Amino acid sequence: MSVGAVARESNTGNKRRRNEDSFVVAPPLFAVADGMGGAQAGEVASKLAAAALEETNPGSAGGEERVVALIQEANRRVYERSNADPSASGMGTTVTAALVEGMRVTFGHVGDSRAYLLRDGVMKQLTEDHSLVNELMKSGKLSAEEAETHPQRSVITRALGTDPDVDVDTFVVEANVGDLFLICSDGLTSMVGDDDIFELLERHHDDLDRAAKSLVAAANRAGGEDNITVVAFTISADDGDTVQMPAAGEDEDTLHGVQPPSPSVDTMVVPAEQAEAAFLVPGSPEALEAVRREPIAPAARVRLVLAMLALLGLAGVLLVWGLLR
């Protein structure tokens, strides 16, 4: 075992009633899942995914094959529950998982929960968000600054549970002794910038539990708009079973300054093919076709159609105003 210190912290945040995040800390496996869906469906989805990761025996498979098998099983459980239980219809969850095997760390990733690596005073984001704003940034239609405040920044293009199979991004990191890996839900990254995340990890590198608590506290100070979950671990030179786990009870939710919930943008899933629809002319045949050709959850469809109708109405008002000038 090459895992050194381990820390985890999960918090409801300041605006949500429930914590729909789940995590796995079962060395050599670590993961964060951020659920979504009406009522308690998001919580159900993330817990199903986390349980699948911990319980599934992928046989002799290792590395990327094992990680994909675990995430596909998690996807199957969420999808089947979503289709069998009307109250859970349309639910889904992100998942970002890391499997440590010696000095190799294999990642599997779906959604917009992230993984970071801190090495030798430099932090790097390892995963790429499966999100609308990321698709728009890659196509040059949105800057990084605009993405931070985009009204559809919570729209993701890939999630567990929305289809019978899911595309899983996998990659392997050749680890060094002293490496610090962080997996987190977007409740952290939407509230705390990468520079501040780096500063807190660097400052508390030798006290990982304090680092995790500091990250969650920073997200809550910034507004705590969403649930916040962080899982962190380091790579040790010792090949023995030297995992340093937090004390019992420290992985339980700690509700700091929870306030009555206020309206917030819920996460929804829009397939990547529909991302371009956000910048098509509202009501045009191309925009309507982009919405039609890939079915999504009913609630998500309603929100998307209403948004397009609102844009169409705005375009009409601007046109009339221009003609009257």
C-alpha atoms as a PDB file:
ATOM      1  CA  MET A   1       0.000   0.000   0.000  1.00  0.00           C
ATOM      2  CA  SER A   2       1.439   3.378  -0.989  1.00  0.00           C
ATOM      3  CA  VAL A   3      -1.325   5.526   0.501  1.00  0.00           C
ATOM      4  CA  GLY A   4      -0.149   7.791   3.295  1.00  0.00           C
ATOM      5  CA  ALA A   5      -2.443  10.262   5.053  1.00  0.00           C
ATOM      6  CA  VAL A   6      -6.163  10.338   4.226  1.00  0.00           C
ATOM      7  CA  ALA A   7      -8.807  12.976   4.954  1.00  0.00           C
ATOM      8  CA  ARG A   8     -12.429  13.514   4.041  1.00  0.00           C
ATOM      9  CA  GLU A   9     -15.032  16.138   4.852  1.00  0.00           C
ATOM     10  CA  SER A  10     -18.614  16.514   3.634  1.00  0.00           C
ATOM     11  CA  ASN A  11     -20.923  19.413   4.412  1.00  0.00           C
ATOM     12  CA  THR A  12     -24.461  20.389   3.433  1.00  0.00           C
ATOM     13  CA  GLY A  13     -23.434  24.010   2.843  1.00  0.00           C
ATOM     14  CA  ASN A  14     -25.446  27.093   3.673  1.00  0.00           C
ATOM     15  CA  LYS A  15     -28.342  26.846   1.216  1.00  0.00           C
ATOM     16  CA  ARG A  16     -29.383  23.190   0.837  1.00  0.00           C
ATOM     17  CA  ARG A  17     -31.616  21.144   3.134  1.00  0.00           C
ATOM     18  CA  ARG A  18     -29.914  17.808   2.435  1.00  0.00           C
ATOM     19  CA  ASN A  19     -26.466  16.622   1.527  1.00  0.00           C
ATOM     20  CA  GLU A  20     -26.717  14.884  -1.851  1.00  0.00           C
ATOM     21  CA  ASP A  21     -22.965  14.221  -2.003  1.00  0.00           C
ATOM     22  CA  SER A  22     -21.486  10.837  -1.101  1.00  0.00           C
ATOM     23  CA  PHE A  23     -17.905   9.663  -0.900  1.00  0.00           C
ATOM     24  CA  VAL A  24     -15.812   6.518  -0.717  1.00  0.00           C
ATOM     25  CA  VAL A  25     -12.709   6.241   1.429  1.00  0.00           C
ATOM     26  CA  ALA A  26     -11.787   2.559   1.228  1.00  0.00           C
ATOM     27  CA  PRO A  27      -8.062   2.484   0.459  1.00  0.00           C
ATOM     28  CA  PRO A  28      -6.875   1.842  -2.178  1.00  0.00           C
ATOM     29  CA  LEU A  29     -10.167   3.226  -3.580  1.00  0.00           C
ATOM     30  CA  PHE A  30     -11.358   6.813  -3.189  1.00  0.00           C
ATOM     31  CA  ALA A  31     -14.312   8.584  -4.811  1.00  0.00           C
ATOM     32  CA  VAL A  32     -16.746  11.494  -4.678  1.00  0.00           C
ATOM     33  CA  ALA A  33     -20.294  11.372  -6.104  1.00  0.00           C
ATOM     34  CA  ASP A  34     -22.537  14.449  -6.419  1.00  0.00           C
ATOM     35  CA  GLY A  35     -26.183  13.466  -6.862  1.00  0.00           C
ATOM     36  CA  MET A  36     -28.981  15.342  -8.586  1.00  0.00           C
ATOM     37  CA  GLY A  37     -32.723  14.947  -8.932  1.00  0.00           C
ATOM     38  CA  GLY A  38     -35.968  16.051  -7.326  1.00  0.00           C
ATOM     39  CA  ALA A  39     -37.025  15.265  -3.748  1.00  0.00           C
ATOM     40  CA  GLN A  40     -34.372  12.961  -2.297  1.00  0.00           C
ATOM     41  CA  ALA A  41     -33.424  11.381  -5.634  1.00  0.00           C
ATOM     42  CA  GLY A  42     -30.011  13.037  -5.790  1.00  0.00           C
ATOM     43  CA  GLU A  43     -29.085  11.666  -2.395  1.00  0.00           C
ATOM     44  CA  VAL A  44     -30.304   8.220  -3.428  1.00  0.00           C
ATOM     45  CA  ALA A  45     -28.298   8.310  -6.663  1.00  0.00           C
ATOM     46  CA  SER A  46     -24.994   9.277  -5.057  1.00  0.00           C
ATOM     47  CA  LYS A  47     -25.388   6.730  -2.252  1.00  0.00           C
ATOM     48  CA  LEU A  48     -26.193   3.970  -4.748  1.00  0.00           C
ATOM     49  CA  ALA A  49     -23.082   4.857  -6.741  1.00  0.00           C
ATOM     50  CA  ALA A  50     -20.835   4.975  -3.676  1.00  0.00           C
ATOM     51  CA  ALA A  51     -22.166   1.621  -2.438  1.00  0.00           C
ATOM     52  CA  ALA A  52     -21.584   0.050  -5.856  1.00  0.00           C
ATOM     53  CA  LEU A  53     -17.976   1.225  -5.901  1.00  0.00           C
ATOM     54  CA  GLU A  54     -17.314  -0.268  -2.481  1.00  0.00           C
ATOM     55  CA  GLU A  55     -19.228  -3.523  -2.907  1.00  0.00           C
ATOM     56  CA  THR A  56     -18.481  -4.556  -6.484  1.00  0.00           C
ATOM     57  CA  ASN A  57     -15.874  -7.254  -7.026  1.00  0.00           C
ATOM     58  CA  PRO A  58     -14.364  -6.735 -10.487  1.00  0.00           C
ATOM     59  CA  GLY A  59     -12.504 -10.051 -10.290  1.00  0.00           C
ATOM     60  CA  SER A  60      -8.859  -9.996 -11.234  1.00  0.00           C
ATOM     61  CA  ALA A  61      -9.156  -6.764 -13.212  1.00  0.00           C
ATOM     62  CA  GLY A  62      -6.902  -3.892 -12.254  1.00  0.00           C
ATOM     63  CA  GLY A  63      -6.113  -0.396 -13.423  1.00  0.00           C
ATOM     64  CA  GLU A  64      -8.437   1.246 -15.913  1.00  0.00           C
ATOM     65  CA  GLU A  65     -10.378  -1.969 -16.566  1.00  0.00           C
ATOM     66  CA  ARG A  66     -11.254  -2.247 -12.890  1.00  0.00           C
ATOM     67  CA  VAL A  67     -12.222   1.393 -12.528  1.00  0.00           C
ATOM     68  CA  VAL A  68     -14.488   1.260 -15.591  1.00  0.00           C
ATOM     69  CA  ALA A  69     -16.135  -1.936 -14.312  1.00  0.00           C
ATOM     70  CA  LEU A  70     -16.851  -0.296 -10.948  1.00  0.00           C
ATOM     71  CA  ILE A  71     -18.331   2.845 -12.477  1.00  0.00           C
ATOM     72  CA  GLN A  72     -20.420   0.898 -15.001  1.00  0.00           C
ATOM     73  CA  GLU A  73     -21.896  -1.134 -12.145  1.00  0.00           C
ATOM     74  CA  ALA A  74     -22.638   2.096 -10.298  1.00  0.00           C
ATOM     75  CA  ASN A  75     -24.315   3.450 -13.427  1.00  0.00           C
ATOM     76  CA  ARG A  76     -26.405   0.264 -13.787  1.00  0.00           C
ATOM     77  CA  ARG A  77     -27.712   0.495 -10.226  1.00  0.00           C
ATOM     78  CA  VAL A  78     -28.670   4.163 -10.521  1.00  0.00           C
ATOM     79  CA  TYR A  79     -30.273   3.678 -13.939  1.00  0.00           C
ATOM     80  CA  GLU A  80     -32.326   0.671 -12.835  1.00  0.00           C
ATOM     81  CA  ARG A  81     -33.536   2.430  -9.689  1.00  0.00           C
ATOM     82  CA  SER A  82     -34.423   5.541 -11.679  1.00  0.00           C
ATOM     83  CA  ASN A  83     -36.562   3.493 -14.065  1.00  0.00           C
ATOM     84  CA  ALA A  84     -38.172   1.335 -11.378  1.00  0.00           C
ATOM     85  CA  ASP A  85     -39.018   4.059  -8.863  1.00  0.00           C
ATOM     86  CA  PRO A  86     -41.227   6.942 -10.108  1.00  0.00           C
ATOM     87  CA  SER A  87     -40.036   9.156  -7.257  1.00  0.00           C
ATOM     88  CA  ALA A  88     -36.449   8.737  -8.486  1.00  0.00           C
ATOM     89  CA  SER A  89     -37.163   9.218 -12.185  1.00  0.00           C
ATOM     90  CA  GLY A  90     -34.501  11.285 -13.923  1.00  0.00           C
ATOM     91  CA  MET A  91     -32.023  11.130 -11.065  1.00  0.00           C
ATOM     92  CA  GLY A  92     -28.299  10.903 -11.696  1.00  0.00           C
ATOM     93  CA  THR A  93     -24.923  11.501 -10.146  1.00  0.00           C
ATOM     94  CA  THR A  94     -21.408  12.491 -11.010  1.00  0.00           C
ATOM     95  CA  VAL A  95     -18.526  10.292  -9.940  1.00  0.00           C
ATOM     96  CA  THR A  96     -14.785  10.793  -9.797  1.00  0.00           C
ATOM     97  CA  ALA A  97     -12.833   7.818  -8.490  1.00  0.00           C
ATOM     98  CA  ALA A  98      -9.171   7.035  -7.862  1.00  0.00           C
ATOM     99  CA  LEU A  99      -7.621   3.586  -7.451  1.00  0.00           C
ATOM    100  CA  VAL A 100      -4.115   3.417  -5.980  1.00  0.00           C
ATOM    101  CA  GLU A 101      -2.018   0.439  -7.041  1.00  0.00           C
ATOM    102  CA  GLY A 102       1.570   0.795  -5.908  1.00  0.00           C
ATOM    103  CA  MET A 103       2.817   4.047  -7.394  1.00  0.00           C
ATOM    104  CA  ARG A 104       0.121   4.186 -10.083  1.00  0.00           C
ATOM    105  CA  VAL A 105      -3.149   6.045  -9.498  1.00  0.00           C
ATOM    106  CA  THR A 106      -5.938   5.234 -11.948  1.00  0.00           C
ATOM    107  CA  PHE A 107      -8.807   7.693 -12.291  1.00  0.00           C
ATOM    108  CA  GLY A 108     -12.331   7.238 -13.623  1.00  0.00           C
ATOM    109  CA  HIS A 109     -14.444  10.333 -14.196  1.00  0.00           C
ATOM    110  CA  VAL A 110     -18.004  11.233 -15.185  1.00  0.00           C
ATOM    111  CA  GLY A 111     -19.515  14.682 -14.625  1.00  0.00           C
ATOM    112  CA  ASP A 112     -18.048  17.810 -13.053  1.00  0.00           C
ATOM    113  CA  SER A 113     -16.647  16.628  -9.749  1.00  0.00           C
ATOM    114  CA  ARG A 114     -12.889  17.146 -10.010  1.00  0.00           C
ATOM    115  CA  ALA A 115      -9.529  15.599  -9.181  1.00  0.00           C
ATOM    116  CA  TYR A 116      -6.391  17.644  -8.532  1.00  0.00           C
ATOM    117  CA  LEU A 117      -2.740  16.767  -7.983  1.00  0.00           C
ATOM    118  CA  LEU A 118      -0.450  18.849  -5.784  1.00  0.00           C
ATOM    119  CA  ARG A 119       3.213  18.034  -6.464  1.00  0.00           C
ATOM    120  CA  ASP A 120       6.367  19.995  -5.602  1.00  0.00           C
ATOM    121  CA  GLY A 121       4.486  23.232  -4.973  1.00  0.00           C
ATOM    122  CA  VAL A 122       2.412  23.063  -8.163  1.00  0.00           C
ATOM    123  CA  MET A 123      -1.272  22.105  -8.408  1.00  0.00           C
ATOM    124  CA  LYS A 124      -2.811  20.643 -11.570  1.00  0.00           C
ATOM    125  CA  GLN A 125      -6.434  19.864 -12.386  1.00  0.00           C
ATOM    126  CA  LEU A 126      -6.458  16.269 -13.614  1.00  0.00           C
ATOM    127  CA  THR A 127     -10.055  15.877 -14.794  1.00  0.00           C
ATOM    128  CA  GLU A 128     -11.998  17.749 -17.439  1.00  0.00           C
ATOM    129  CA  ASP A 129     -15.512  18.882 -16.535  1.00  0.00           C
ATOM    130  CA  HIS A 130     -18.303  17.266 -18.530  1.00  0.00           C
ATOM    131  CA  SER A 131     -20.287  20.489 -18.464  1.00  0.00           C
ATOM    132  CA  LEU A 132     -22.005  22.905 -20.796  1.00  0.00           C
ATOM    133  CA  VAL A 133     -19.702  25.808 -19.968  1.00  0.00           C
ATOM    134  CA  ASN A 134     -16.610  23.673 -20.543  1.00  0.00           C
ATOM    135  CA  GLU A 135     -17.929  22.653 -23.974  1.00  0.00           C
ATOM    136  CA  LEU A 136     -18.534  26.306 -24.787  1.00  0.00           C
ATOM    137  CA  MET A 137     -15.065  27.303 -23.577  1.00  0.00           C
ATOM    138  CA  LYS A 138     -13.439  24.596 -25.697  1.00  0.00           C
ATOM    139  CA  SER A 139     -15.319  25.854 -28.756  1.00  0.00           C
ATOM    140  CA  GLY A 140     -14.197  29.431 -28.044  1.00  0.00           C
ATOM    141  CA  LYS A 141     -17.710  30.731 -27.383  1.00  0.00           C
ATOM    142  CA  LEU A 142     -17.114  31.449 -23.718  1.00  0.00           C
ATOM    143  CA  SER A 143     -14.156  32.762 -21.732  1.00  0.00           C
ATOM    144  CA  ALA A 144     -13.076  31.333 -18.380  1.00  0.00           C
ATOM    145  CA  GLU A 145     -14.272  34.537 -16.703  1.00  0.00           C
ATOM    146  CA  GLU A 146     -17.692  34.321 -18.379  1.00  0.00           C
ATOM    147  CA  ALA A 147     -17.984  30.657 -17.420  1.00  0.00           C
ATOM    148  CA  GLU A 148     -17.719  31.501 -13.726  1.00  0.00           C
ATOM    149  CA  THR A 149     -20.989  33.434 -13.799  1.00  0.00           C
ATOM    150  CA  HIS A 150     -22.804  31.738 -16.680  1.00  0.00           C
ATOM    151  CA  PRO A 151     -26.449  31.032 -15.718  1.00  0.00           C
ATOM    152  CA  GLN A 152     -26.124  27.452 -17.027  1.00  0.00           C
ATOM    153  CA  ARG A 153     -22.871  26.616 -15.272  1.00  0.00           C
ATOM    154  CA  SER A 154     -24.628  23.796 -13.372  1.00  0.00           C
ATOM    155  CA  VAL A 155     -25.646  22.005 -16.570  1.00  0.00           C
ATOM    156  CA  ILE A 156     -23.582  18.855 -17.056  1.00  0.00           C
ATOM    157  CA  THR A 157     -23.330  16.829 -20.254  1.00  0.00           C
ATOM    158  CA  ARG A 158     -22.622  13.430 -18.742  1.00  0.00           C
ATOM    159  CA  ALA A 159     -23.783  11.651 -15.577  1.00  0.00           C
ATOM    160  CA  LEU A 160     -24.387   8.215 -14.104  1.00  0.00           C
ATOM    161  CA  GLY A 161     -27.921   6.879 -14.296  1.00  0.00           C
ATOM    162  CA  THR A 162     -29.307   8.669 -17.342  1.00  0.00           C
ATOM    163  CA  ASP A 163     -28.545   5.853 -19.825  1.00  0.00           C
ATOM    164  CA  PRO A 164     -27.923   2.082 -19.603  1.00  0.00           C
ATOM    165  CA  ASP A 165     -24.223   2.650 -20.283  1.00  0.00           C
ATOM    166  CA  VAL A 166     -22.009   5.624 -19.596  1.00  0.00           C
ATOM    167  CA  ASP A 167     -18.800   6.875 -21.189  1.00  0.00           C
ATOM    168  CA  VAL A 168     -16.076   6.932 -18.538  1.00  0.00           C
ATOM    169  CA  ASP A 169     -12.949   9.038 -18.881  1.00  0.00           C
ATOM    170  CA  THR A 170      -9.968   7.073 -17.518  1.00  0.00           C
ATOM    171  CA  PHE A 171      -6.300   7.891 -17.144  1.00  0.00           C
ATOM    172  CA  VAL A 172      -3.317   6.847 -15.056  1.00  0.00           C
ATOM    173  CA  VAL A 173      -0.984   9.092 -13.044  1.00  0.00           C
ATOM    174  CA  GLU A 174       2.493   7.808 -12.203  1.00  0.00           C
ATOM    175  CA  ALA A 175       2.727   9.020  -8.623  1.00  0.00           C
ATOM    176  CA  ASN A 176       5.704  10.352  -6.704  1.00  0.00           C
ATOM    177  CA  VAL A 177       6.325  10.110  -2.985  1.00  0.00           C
ATOM    178  CA  GLY A 178       4.711  13.120  -1.323  1.00  0.00           C
ATOM    179  CA  ASP A 179       2.046  13.654  -3.985  1.00  0.00           C
ATOM    180  CA  LEU A 180      -1.262  14.958  -2.641  1.00  0.00           C
ATOM    181  CA  PHE A 181      -4.440  14.056  -4.521  1.00  0.00           C
ATOM    182  CA  LEU A 182      -7.740  15.890  -3.995  1.00  0.00           C
ATOM    183  CA  ILE A 183     -11.170  14.756  -5.224  1.00  0.00           C
ATOM    184  CA  CYS A 184     -14.053  17.172  -4.676  1.00  0.00           C
ATOM    185  CA  SER A 185     -17.603  18.025  -5.667  1.00  0.00           C
ATOM    186  CA  ASP A 186     -18.390  21.259  -7.486  1.00  0.00           C
ATOM    187  CA  GLY A 187     -19.705  22.683  -4.231  1.00  0.00           C
ATOM    188  CA  LEU A 188     -16.049  23.444  -3.536  1.00  0.00           C
ATOM    189  CA  THR A 189     -14.838  24.515  -6.979  1.00  0.00           C
ATOM    190  CA  SER A 190     -17.842  26.756  -7.692  1.00  0.00           C
ATOM    191  CA  MET A 191     -17.162  28.703  -4.491  1.00  0.00           C
ATOM    192  CA  VAL A 192     -13.363  28.595  -4.131  1.00  0.00           C
ATOM    193  CA  GLY A 193     -10.910  29.365  -6.930  1.00  0.00           C
ATOM    194  CA  ASP A 194      -8.012  27.105  -7.808  1.00  0.00           C
ATOM    195  CA  ASP A 195      -5.465  29.574  -6.399  1.00  0.00           C
ATOM    196  CA  ASP A 196      -7.166  29.501  -2.991  1.00  0.00           C
ATOM    197  CA  ILE A 197      -7.546  25.706  -3.074  1.00  0.00           C
ATOM    198  CA  PHE A 198      -3.828  25.437  -3.798  1.00  0.00           C
ATOM    199  CA  GLU A 199      -2.928  27.861  -1.010  1.00  0.00           C
ATOM    200  CA  LEU A 200      -4.923  25.926   1.595  1.00  0.00           C
ATOM    201  CA  LEU A 201      -3.554  22.535   0.484  1.00  0.00           C
ATOM    202  CA  GLU A 202      -0.001  23.852   0.466  1.00  0.00           C
ATOM    203  CA  ARG A 203      -0.392  25.502   3.869  1.00  0.00           C
ATOM    204  CA  HIS A 204      -1.810  22.353   5.495  1.00  0.00           C
ATOM    205  CA  HIS A 205       0.084  19.755   3.464  1.00  0.00           C
ATOM    206  CA  ASP A 206       1.289  18.060   6.659  1.00  0.00           C
ATOM    207  CA  ASP A 207      -2.155  18.073   8.300  1.00  0.00           C
ATOM    208  CA  LEU A 208      -4.529  16.698   5.690  1.00  0.00           C
ATOM    209  CA  ASP A 209      -7.539  16.637   7.985  1.00  0.00           C
ATOM    210  CA  ARG A 210      -7.103  20.335   8.681  1.00  0.00           C
ATOM    211  CA  ALA A 211      -6.686  20.974   4.954  1.00  0.00           C
ATOM    212  CA  ALA A 212     -10.016  19.278   4.205  1.00  0.00           C
ATOM    213  CA  LYS A 213     -11.833  21.212   6.920  1.00  0.00           C
ATOM    214  CA  SER A 214     -10.266  24.478   5.724  1.00  0.00           C
ATOM    215  CA  LEU A 215     -11.457  23.896   2.162  1.00  0.00           C
ATOM    216  CA  VAL A 216     -15.035  23.258   3.300  1.00  0.00           C
ATOM    217  CA  ALA A 217     -14.950  26.300   5.579  1.00  0.00           C
ATOM    218  CA  ALA A 218     -13.703  28.460   2.695  1.00  0.00           C
ATOM    219  CA  ALA A 219     -16.566  27.291   0.467  1.00  0.00           C
ATOM    220  CA  ASN A 220     -19.091  28.122   3.188  1.00  0.00           C
ATOM    221  CA  ARG A 221     -17.558  31.547   3.769  1.00  0.00           C
ATOM    222  CA  ALA A 222     -17.906  32.219   0.037  1.00  0.00           C
ATOM    223  CA  GLY A 223     -21.632  31.448   0.212  1.00  0.00           C
ATOM    224  CA  GLY A 224     -21.936  27.663   0.501  1.00  0.00           C
ATOM    225  CA  GLU A 225     -24.422  27.537  -2.392  1.00  0.00           C
ATOM    226  CA  ASP A 226     -24.153  23.754  -2.763  1.00  0.00           C
ATOM    227  CA  ASN A 227     -23.112  20.649  -0.858  1.00  0.00           C
ATOM    228  CA  ILE A 228     -19.347  20.461  -0.387  1.00  0.00           C
ATOM    229  CA  THR A 229     -17.327  17.246  -0.267  1.00  0.00           C
ATOM    230  CA  VAL A 230     -13.570  16.752  -0.343  1.00  0.00           C
ATOM    231  CA  VAL A 231     -11.486  13.576  -0.196  1.00  0.00           C
ATOM    232  CA  ALA A 232      -7.710  13.858  -0.051  1.00  0.00           C
ATOM    233  CA  PHE A 233      -4.842  11.400   0.216  1.00  0.00           C
ATOM    234  CA  THR A 234      -1.075  11.409  -0.069  1.00  0.00           C
ATOM    235  CA  ILE A 235       1.412   8.932  -1.473  1.00  0.00           C
ATOM    236  CA  SER A 236       3.828   7.401   1.030  1.00  0.00           C
ATOM    237  CA  ALA A 237       7.243   5.807   0.551  1.00  0.00           C
ATOM    238  CA  ASP A 238       6.262   2.985   2.924  1.00  0.00           C
ATOM    239  CA  ASP A 239       4.905  -0.112   1.179  1.00  0.00           C
ATOM    240  CA  GLY A 240       3.361  -1.352   4.422  1.00  0.00           C
ATOM    241  CA  ASP A 241      -0.201  -0.771   5.590  1.00  0.00           C
ATOM    242  CA  THR A 242       0.430   2.741   6.877  1.00  0.00           C
ATOM    243  CA  VAL A 243      -2.771   4.516   5.878  1.00  0.00           C
ATOM    244  CA  GLN A 244      -3.415   7.334   8.374  1.00  0.00           C
ATOM    245  CA  MET A 245      -7.183   7.585   8.657  1.00  0.00           C
ATOM    246  CA  PRO A 246      -9.036  10.416  10.427  1.00  0.00           C
ATOM    247  CA  ALA A 247     -10.469   9.673  13.841  1.00  0.00           C
ATOM    248  CA  ALA A 248     -13.845   7.935  13.999  1.00  0.00           C
ATOM    249  CA  GLY A 249     -16.756  10.233  13.331  1.00  0.00           C
ATOM    250  CA  GLU A 250     -14.793  12.827  11.400  1.00  0.00           C
ATOM    251  CA  ASP A 251     -16.348  11.705   8.133  1.00  0.00           C
ATOM    252  CA  GLU A 252     -19.861  12.587   9.273  1.00  0.00           C
ATOM    253  CA  ASP A 253     -21.611  15.666   7.961  1.00  0.00           C
ATOM    254  CA  THR A 254     -20.934  18.756  10.048  1.00  0.00           C
ATOM    255  CA  LEU A 255     -23.469  21.508   9.444  1.00  0.00           C
ATOM    256  CA  HIS A 256     -21.770  24.863   9.904  1.00  0.00           C
ATOM    257  CA  GLY A 257     -24.016  27.907   9.755  1.00  0.00           C
ATOM    258  CA  VAL A 258     -26.856  26.211   7.881  1.00  0.00           C
ATOM    259  CA  GLN A 259     -29.435  28.798   6.846  1.00  0.00           C
ATOM    260  CA  PRO A 260     -32.952  28.381   5.430  1.00  0.00           C
ATOM    261  CA  PRO A 261     -32.673  27.331   1.795  1.00  0.00           C
ATOM    262  CA  SER A 262     -32.882  29.963  -0.899  1.00  0.00           C
ATOM    263  CA  PRO A 263     -33.526  29.517  -4.608  1.00  0.00           C
ATOM    264  CA  SER A 264     -30.521  28.081  -6.413  1.00  0.00           C
ATOM    265  CA  VAL A 265     -29.728  26.576  -9.799  1.00  0.00           C
ATOM    266  CA  ASP A 266     -30.114  22.806  -9.613  1.00  0.00           C
ATOM    267  CA  THR A 267     -27.799  20.601 -11.597  1.00  0.00           C
ATOM    268  CA  MET A 268     -29.289  19.186 -14.771  1.00  0.00           C
ATOM    269  CA  VAL A 269     -27.918  16.942 -17.501  1.00  0.00           C
ATOM    270  CA  VAL A 270     -27.853  17.959 -21.139  1.00  0.00           C
ATOM    271  CA  PRO A 271     -26.014  15.662 -23.575  1.00  0.00           C
ATOM    272  CA  ALA A 272     -22.876  17.164 -25.094  1.00  0.00           C
ATOM    273  CA  GLU A 273     -24.573  17.281 -28.500  1.00  0.00           C
ATOM    274  CA  GLN A 274     -27.074  19.783 -27.097  1.00  0.00           C
ATOM    275  CA  ALA A 275     -24.455  22.154 -25.696  1.00  0.00           C
ATOM    276  CA  GLU A 276     -24.336  24.108 -28.941  1.00  0.00           C
ATOM    277  CA  ALA A 277     -28.111  24.698 -28.698  1.00  0.00           C
ATOM    278  CA  ALA A 278     -27.492  27.277 -25.988  1.00  0.00           C
ATOM    279  CA  PHE A 279     -25.963  29.589 -28.586  1.00  0.00           C
ATOM    280  CA  LEU A 280     -28.320  28.844 -31.503  1.00  0.00           C
ATOM    281  CA  VAL A 281     -31.029  31.341 -32.467  1.00  0.00           C
ATOM    282  CA  PRO A 282     -33.928  30.729 -30.042  1.00  0.00           C
ATOM    283  CA  GLY A 283     -36.863  29.031 -31.750  1.00  0.00           C
ATOM    284  CA  SER A 284     -34.911  28.337 -34.943  1.00  0.00           C
ATOM    285  CA  PRO A 285     -35.239  24.891 -36.581  1.00  0.00           C
ATOM    286  CA  GLU A 286     -31.624  24.147 -35.625  1.00  0.00           C
ATOM    287  CA  ALA A 287     -32.200  24.982 -31.970  1.00  0.00           C
ATOM    288  CA  LEU A 288     -35.408  22.948 -31.773  1.00  0.00           C
ATOM    289  CA  GLU A 289     -33.735  20.001 -33.494  1.00  0.00           C
ATOM    290  CA  ALA A 290     -30.839  20.124 -31.022  1.00  0.00           C
ATOM    291  CA  VAL A 291     -33.319  19.794 -28.165  1.00  0.00           C
ATOM    292  CA  ARG A 292     -35.372  17.096 -29.895  1.00  0.00           C
ATOM    293  CA  ARG A 293     -32.705  14.673 -31.066  1.00  0.00           C
ATOM    294  CA  GLU A 294     -31.461  13.523 -27.651  1.00  0.00           C
ATOM    295  CA  PRO A 295     -34.041  12.750 -24.918  1.00  0.00           C
ATOM    296  CA  ILE A 296     -33.274  14.006 -21.448  1.00  0.00           C
ATOM    297  CA  ALA A 297     -34.989  13.821 -18.086  1.00  0.00           C
ATOM    298  CA  PRO A 298     -38.505  15.390 -18.168  1.00  0.00           C
ATOM    299  CA  ALA A 299     -37.723  18.081 -15.605  1.00  0.00           C
ATOM    300  CA  ALA A 300     -34.532  18.995 -17.432  1.00  0.00           C
ATOM    301  CA  ARG A 301     -36.435  19.164 -20.735  1.00  0.00           C
ATOM    302  CA  VAL A 302     -38.998  21.562 -19.266  1.00  0.00           C
ATOM    303  CA  ARG A 303     -36.275  23.842 -17.895  1.00  0.00           C
ATOM    304  CA  LEU A 304     -34.424  23.840 -21.216  1.00  0.00           C
ATOM    305  CA  VAL A 305     -37.559  24.593 -23.271  1.00  0.00           C
ATOM    306  CA  LEU A 306     -38.619  27.390 -20.890  1.00  0.00           C
ATOM    307  CA  ALA A 307     -35.145  28.899 -21.128  1.00  0.00           C
ATOM    308  CA  MET A 308     -35.311  28.851 -24.930  1.00  0.00           C
ATOM    309  CA  LEU A 309     -38.804  30.402 -24.927  1.00  0.00           C
ATOM    310  CA  ALA A 310     -37.545  33.148 -22.617  1.00  0.00           C
ATOM    311  CA  LEU A 311     -34.661  33.832 -24.991  1.00  0.00           C
ATOM    312  CA  LEU A 312     -37.099  33.882 -27.932  1.00  0.00           C
ATOM    313  CA  GLY A 313     -39.283  36.407 -26.124  1.00  0.00           C
ATOM    314  CA  LEU A 314     -36.251  38.574 -25.353  1.00  0.00           C
ATOM    315  CA  ALA A 315     -35.165  38.432 -29.000  1.00  0.00           C
ATOM    316  CA  GLY A 316     -38.669  39.553 -30.047  1.00  0.00           C
ATOM    317  CA  VAL A 317     -38.643  42.494 -27.641  1.00  0.00           C
ATOM    318  CA  LEU A 318     -35.206  43.585 -28.869  1.00  0.00           C
ATOM    319  CA  LEU A 319     -36.375  43.321 -32.491  1.00  0.00           C
ATOM    320  CA  VAL A 320     -39.459  45.484 -31.869  1.00  0.00           C
ATOM    321  CA  TRP A 321     -37.398  48.004 -29.924  1.00  0.00           C
ATOM    322  CA  GLY A 322     -34.918  48.194 -32.789  1.00  0.00           C
ATOM    323  CA  LEU A 323     -37.675  48.807 -35.355  1.00  0.00           C
ATOM    324  CA  LEU A 324     -39.258  51.567 -33.251  1.00  0.00           C
ATOM    325  CA  ARG A 325     -36.004  53.495 -32.829  1.00  0.00           C
END
